[in-house]
Amino acid sequence: MAVSTQQILVCQSFRVKGDPKGICHKQTDGFLQYLEEELLDRGMDVQVIATGCLKQCEHGPILVVQPENWWYKGVTSTAIIDAILDGIEDGEQVEEYLLA
């Protein structure tokens, strides 16, 4: 079985030493499941990874597409996720949500 070449990292704001969870975790409830289901529905071979804090709390929630290294900010709805997935399929960044 081949390994996915693309990954989507989803900040879940898990921090060390018991610090409170940040904005990403609070605003992304259900996003991981939605992403997995949408990728399956689209037939996309992309691995989804929940991460600890990506140190971009002021721009969160954060989603990163690798290996392209596309950092997306303010990912607060399934509509934004859909736009990002459309961009991945087209091989293009979604400028509106890019973290500069």
N, C-alpha and C. Protein backbone atom coordinates (compact mmCIF):
# COMPACT_ATOMS: atom_id res chain seq x y z
N MET A 1 0.84 -1.19 0.00
CA MET A 1 0.00 0.00 0.00
C MET A 1 0.88 1.25 0.00
N ALA A 2 0.59 2.17 -0.88
CA ALA A 2 1.38 3.40 -0.98
C ALA A 2 1.02 4.36 0.15
N VAL A 3 2.00 5.15 0.52
CA VAL A 3 1.80 6.15 1.57
C VAL A 3 1.36 7.46 0.92
N SER A 4 0.43 8.15 1.56
CA SER A 4 -0.04 9.44 1.05
C SER A 4 1.14 10.40 0.94
N THR A 5 1.18 11.14 -0.16
CA THR A 5 2.25 12.13 -0.31
C THR A 5 1.83 13.48 0.25
N GLN A 6 0.53 13.69 0.39
CA GLN A 6 0.04 14.96 0.94
C GLN A 6 -0.52 14.73 2.33
N GLN A 7 -0.39 15.77 3.15
CA GLN A 7 -0.93 15.74 4.50
C GLN A 7 -1.61 17.07 4.78
N ILE A 8 -2.66 17.01 5.59
CA ILE A 8 -3.29 18.21 6.11
C ILE A 8 -3.11 18.18 7.62
N LEU A 9 -2.39 19.17 8.14
CA LEU A 9 -2.18 19.29 9.57
C LEU A 9 -3.24 20.23 10.12
N VAL A 10 -3.93 19.79 11.16
CA VAL A 10 -4.99 20.59 11.76
C VAL A 10 -4.60 20.89 13.20
N CYS A 11 -4.38 22.16 13.49
CA CYS A 11 -4.00 22.54 14.85
C CYS A 11 -5.14 22.22 15.81
N GLN A 12 -4.79 21.51 16.87
CA GLN A 12 -5.78 21.19 17.91
C GLN A 12 -5.40 21.82 19.25
N SER A 13 -4.38 22.65 19.24
CA SER A 13 -4.01 23.48 20.39
C SER A 13 -3.68 22.72 21.66
N PHE A 14 -3.22 21.51 21.53
CA PHE A 14 -2.80 20.79 22.73
C PHE A 14 -1.43 21.30 23.11
N ARG A 15 -1.31 21.78 24.34
CA ARG A 15 -0.07 22.40 24.79
C ARG A 15 0.53 21.62 25.94
N VAL A 16 1.81 21.80 26.12
CA VAL A 16 2.51 21.09 27.18
C VAL A 16 2.20 21.69 28.54
N LYS A 17 2.46 20.93 29.56
CA LYS A 17 2.36 21.36 30.95
C LYS A 17 0.97 21.84 31.36
N GLY A 18 -0.06 21.33 30.70
CA GLY A 18 -1.41 21.63 31.14
C GLY A 18 -1.93 23.02 30.84
N ASP A 19 -1.24 23.77 29.97
CA ASP A 19 -1.73 25.08 29.60
C ASP A 19 -3.11 24.93 28.95
N PRO A 20 -3.96 25.96 29.07
CA PRO A 20 -5.29 25.87 28.47
C PRO A 20 -5.21 25.68 26.96
N LYS A 21 -6.19 25.00 26.44
CA LYS A 21 -6.27 24.83 24.99
C LYS A 21 -6.58 26.17 24.35
N GLY A 22 -6.01 26.39 23.20
CA GLY A 22 -6.18 27.67 22.52
C GLY A 22 -7.38 27.71 21.60
N ILE A 23 -7.39 28.71 20.78
CA ILE A 23 -8.53 29.00 19.90
C ILE A 23 -8.81 27.89 18.88
N CYS A 24 -7.76 27.27 18.36
CA CYS A 24 -7.98 26.29 17.29
C CYS A 24 -8.84 25.12 17.76
N HIS A 25 -8.53 24.57 18.91
CA HIS A 25 -9.29 23.43 19.41
C HIS A 25 -10.74 23.82 19.69
N LYS A 26 -10.93 24.98 20.25
CA LYS A 26 -12.28 25.43 20.61
C LYS A 26 -13.17 25.65 19.39
N GLN A 27 -12.56 26.05 18.27
CA GLN A 27 -13.36 26.41 17.09
C GLN A 27 -13.37 25.34 15.99
N THR A 28 -12.79 24.18 16.24
CA THR A 28 -12.71 23.18 15.18
C THR A 28 -13.40 21.88 15.55
N ASP A 29 -14.35 21.92 16.45
CA ASP A 29 -15.07 20.72 16.84
C ASP A 29 -15.75 20.09 15.62
N GLY A 30 -15.42 18.84 15.35
CA GLY A 30 -16.02 18.13 14.23
C GLY A 30 -15.27 18.28 12.91
N PHE A 31 -14.27 19.16 12.85
CA PHE A 31 -13.55 19.40 11.60
C PHE A 31 -12.76 18.18 11.14
N LEU A 32 -12.14 17.46 12.07
CA LEU A 32 -11.34 16.30 11.66
C LEU A 32 -12.21 15.26 10.98
N GLN A 33 -13.36 14.98 11.57
CA GLN A 33 -14.28 14.01 10.98
C GLN A 33 -14.77 14.51 9.62
N TYR A 34 -15.13 15.79 9.54
CA TYR A 34 -15.59 16.35 8.27
C TYR A 34 -14.51 16.22 7.20
N LEU A 35 -13.28 16.57 7.55
CA LEU A 35 -12.17 16.48 6.60
C LEU A 35 -11.99 15.05 6.09
N GLU A 36 -11.96 14.11 7.02
CA GLU A 36 -11.79 12.69 6.64
C GLU A 36 -12.90 12.24 5.70
N GLU A 37 -14.14 12.57 6.04
CA GLU A 37 -15.28 12.15 5.22
C GLU A 37 -15.25 12.82 3.84
N GLU A 38 -14.92 14.10 3.81
CA GLU A 38 -14.88 14.84 2.55
C GLU A 38 -13.76 14.32 1.64
N LEU A 39 -12.62 14.03 2.22
CA LEU A 39 -11.51 13.46 1.43
C LEU A 39 -11.91 12.12 0.84
N LEU A 40 -12.57 11.30 1.63
CA LEU A 40 -13.04 10.00 1.16
C LEU A 40 -14.05 10.17 0.04
N ASP A 41 -15.02 11.08 0.25
CA ASP A 41 -16.04 11.34 -0.78
C ASP A 41 -15.43 11.82 -2.09
N ARG A 42 -14.35 12.60 -1.98
CA ARG A 42 -13.70 13.14 -3.17
C ARG A 42 -12.67 12.18 -3.77
N GLY A 43 -12.40 11.08 -3.07
CA GLY A 43 -11.40 10.12 -3.55
C GLY A 43 -9.98 10.66 -3.47
N MET A 44 -9.74 11.57 -2.54
CA MET A 44 -8.41 12.18 -2.39
C MET A 44 -7.57 11.37 -1.41
N ASP A 45 -6.33 11.10 -1.79
CA ASP A 45 -5.40 10.35 -0.95
C ASP A 45 -4.55 11.34 -0.15
N VAL A 46 -5.14 11.89 0.89
CA VAL A 46 -4.48 12.89 1.74
C VAL A 46 -4.65 12.45 3.19
N GLN A 47 -3.54 12.45 3.92
CA GLN A 47 -3.57 12.07 5.34
C GLN A 47 -3.90 13.28 6.19
N VAL A 48 -4.80 13.13 7.17
CA VAL A 48 -5.17 14.20 8.09
C VAL A 48 -4.48 13.93 9.43
N ILE A 49 -3.80 14.96 9.95
CA ILE A 49 -3.06 14.82 11.20
C ILE A 49 -3.46 15.94 12.15
N ALA A 50 -3.92 15.57 13.34
CA ALA A 50 -4.20 16.55 14.40
C ALA A 50 -2.87 16.85 15.08
N THR A 51 -2.57 18.13 15.26
CA THR A 51 -1.29 18.51 15.85
C THR A 51 -1.50 19.23 17.18
N GLY A 52 -0.40 19.43 17.87
CA GLY A 52 -0.38 20.32 19.00
C GLY A 52 -0.36 21.75 18.48
N CYS A 53 -0.10 22.68 19.34
CA CYS A 53 -0.13 24.10 18.98
C CYS A 53 0.89 24.40 17.88
N LEU A 54 0.44 25.10 16.84
CA LEU A 54 1.32 25.50 15.74
C LEU A 54 1.85 26.92 15.91
N LYS A 55 1.62 27.50 17.09
CA LYS A 55 2.16 28.82 17.45
C LYS A 55 1.66 29.95 16.56
N GLN A 56 0.42 29.83 16.12
CA GLN A 56 -0.22 30.88 15.31
C GLN A 56 -1.59 31.21 15.88
N CYS A 57 -1.69 31.23 17.20
CA CYS A 57 -2.98 31.38 17.88
C CYS A 57 -3.76 32.62 17.43
N GLU A 58 -3.05 33.71 17.17
CA GLU A 58 -3.73 34.95 16.79
C GLU A 58 -4.38 34.84 15.41
N HIS A 59 -4.04 33.79 14.64
CA HIS A 59 -4.59 33.62 13.30
C HIS A 59 -5.50 32.39 13.19
N GLY A 60 -5.69 31.68 14.30
CA GLY A 60 -6.38 30.40 14.28
C GLY A 60 -7.86 30.50 13.98
N PRO A 61 -8.42 29.35 13.72
CA PRO A 61 -7.83 28.03 13.59
C PRO A 61 -6.93 27.91 12.35
N ILE A 62 -5.89 27.09 12.51
CA ILE A 62 -4.86 26.92 11.48
C ILE A 62 -4.96 25.53 10.86
N LEU A 63 -4.77 25.49 9.54
CA LEU A 63 -4.72 24.24 8.79
C LEU A 63 -3.53 24.38 7.83
N VAL A 64 -2.67 23.35 7.75
CA VAL A 64 -1.48 23.39 6.92
C VAL A 64 -1.50 22.23 5.93
N VAL A 65 -1.26 22.53 4.64
CA VAL A 65 -1.19 21.51 3.61
C VAL A 65 0.28 21.25 3.32
N GLN A 66 0.69 19.99 3.47
CA GLN A 66 2.06 19.59 3.19
C GLN A 66 2.07 18.57 2.07
N PRO A 67 3.09 18.47 1.23
CA PRO A 67 4.38 19.14 1.34
C PRO A 67 4.42 20.55 0.75
N GLU A 68 3.28 21.07 0.29
CA GLU A 68 3.26 22.39 -0.34
C GLU A 68 3.59 23.51 0.65
N ASN A 69 3.37 23.24 1.95
CA ASN A 69 3.61 24.23 3.00
C ASN A 69 2.67 25.43 2.87
N TRP A 70 1.41 25.15 2.56
CA TRP A 70 0.38 26.18 2.48
C TRP A 70 -0.26 26.30 3.85
N TRP A 71 -0.10 27.43 4.51
CA TRP A 71 -0.66 27.68 5.84
C TRP A 71 -1.94 28.49 5.68
N TYR A 72 -3.04 27.96 6.19
CA TYR A 72 -4.32 28.64 6.12
C TYR A 72 -4.76 29.10 7.50
N LYS A 73 -5.29 30.31 7.56
CA LYS A 73 -5.72 30.92 8.82
C LYS A 73 -7.24 31.05 8.85
N GLY A 74 -7.78 31.20 10.04
CA GLY A 74 -9.21 31.47 10.17
C GLY A 74 -10.10 30.42 9.57
N VAL A 75 -9.70 29.15 9.68
CA VAL A 75 -10.49 28.06 9.12
C VAL A 75 -11.61 27.73 10.12
N THR A 76 -12.72 28.44 9.96
CA THR A 76 -13.80 28.37 10.94
C THR A 76 -15.09 27.73 10.44
N SER A 77 -15.08 27.23 9.21
CA SER A 77 -16.31 26.63 8.70
C SER A 77 -16.01 25.53 7.68
N THR A 78 -17.00 24.68 7.46
CA THR A 78 -16.83 23.63 6.46
C THR A 78 -16.74 24.23 5.05
N ALA A 79 -17.34 25.39 4.84
CA ALA A 79 -17.24 26.06 3.53
C ALA A 79 -15.78 26.43 3.23
N ILE A 80 -15.05 26.88 4.24
CA ILE A 80 -13.63 27.21 4.04
C ILE A 80 -12.84 25.94 3.78
N ILE A 81 -13.15 24.88 4.52
CA ILE A 81 -12.48 23.60 4.28
C ILE A 81 -12.74 23.14 2.85
N ASP A 82 -13.97 23.25 2.39
CA ASP A 82 -14.31 22.86 1.02
C ASP A 82 -13.48 23.65 0.01
N ALA A 83 -13.34 24.96 0.22
CA ALA A 83 -12.56 25.80 -0.68
C ALA A 83 -11.09 25.35 -0.70
N ILE A 84 -10.56 25.04 0.47
CA ILE A 84 -9.17 24.58 0.56
C ILE A 84 -9.00 23.24 -0.15
N LEU A 85 -9.94 22.32 0.04
CA LEU A 85 -9.86 21.03 -0.65
C LEU A 85 -9.99 21.19 -2.16
N ASP A 86 -10.85 22.11 -2.60
CA ASP A 86 -10.94 22.41 -4.03
C ASP A 86 -9.58 22.87 -4.55
N GLY A 87 -8.92 23.74 -3.78
CA GLY A 87 -7.60 24.24 -4.16
C GLY A 87 -6.57 23.13 -4.24
N ILE A 88 -6.59 22.20 -3.28
CA ILE A 88 -5.66 21.07 -3.32
C ILE A 88 -5.90 20.25 -4.58
N GLU A 89 -7.16 20.00 -4.89
CA GLU A 89 -7.48 19.23 -6.10
C GLU A 89 -6.99 19.93 -7.36
N ASP A 90 -7.07 21.27 -7.36
CA ASP A 90 -6.65 22.05 -8.53
C ASP A 90 -5.16 22.38 -8.52
N GLY A 91 -4.48 22.04 -7.40
CA GLY A 91 -3.06 22.34 -7.27
C GLY A 91 -2.79 23.82 -7.07
N GLU A 92 -3.77 24.53 -6.50
CA GLU A 92 -3.64 25.98 -6.33
C GLU A 92 -3.96 26.39 -4.90
N GLN A 93 -3.26 27.39 -4.42
CA GLN A 93 -3.54 27.94 -3.10
C GLN A 93 -4.84 28.73 -3.14
N VAL A 94 -5.50 28.81 -2.00
CA VAL A 94 -6.69 29.65 -1.86
C VAL A 94 -6.22 30.92 -1.16
N GLU A 95 -5.89 31.92 -1.97
CA GLU A 95 -5.26 33.14 -1.48
C GLU A 95 -6.01 33.82 -0.33
N GLU A 96 -7.33 33.76 -0.40
CA GLU A 96 -8.18 34.45 0.58
C GLU A 96 -7.89 34.02 2.02
N TYR A 97 -7.48 32.76 2.21
CA TYR A 97 -7.29 32.23 3.55
C TYR A 97 -5.81 31.97 3.92
N LEU A 98 -4.91 32.30 3.01
CA LEU A 98 -3.48 32.04 3.27
C LEU A 98 -2.96 32.90 4.41
N LEU A 99 -2.12 32.29 5.22
CA LEU A 99 -1.41 33.01 6.28
C LEU A 99 -0.15 33.56 5.64
N ALA A 100 -0.06 34.89 5.55
CA ALA A 100 1.07 35.51 4.85
C ALA A 100 2.34 35.45 5.66
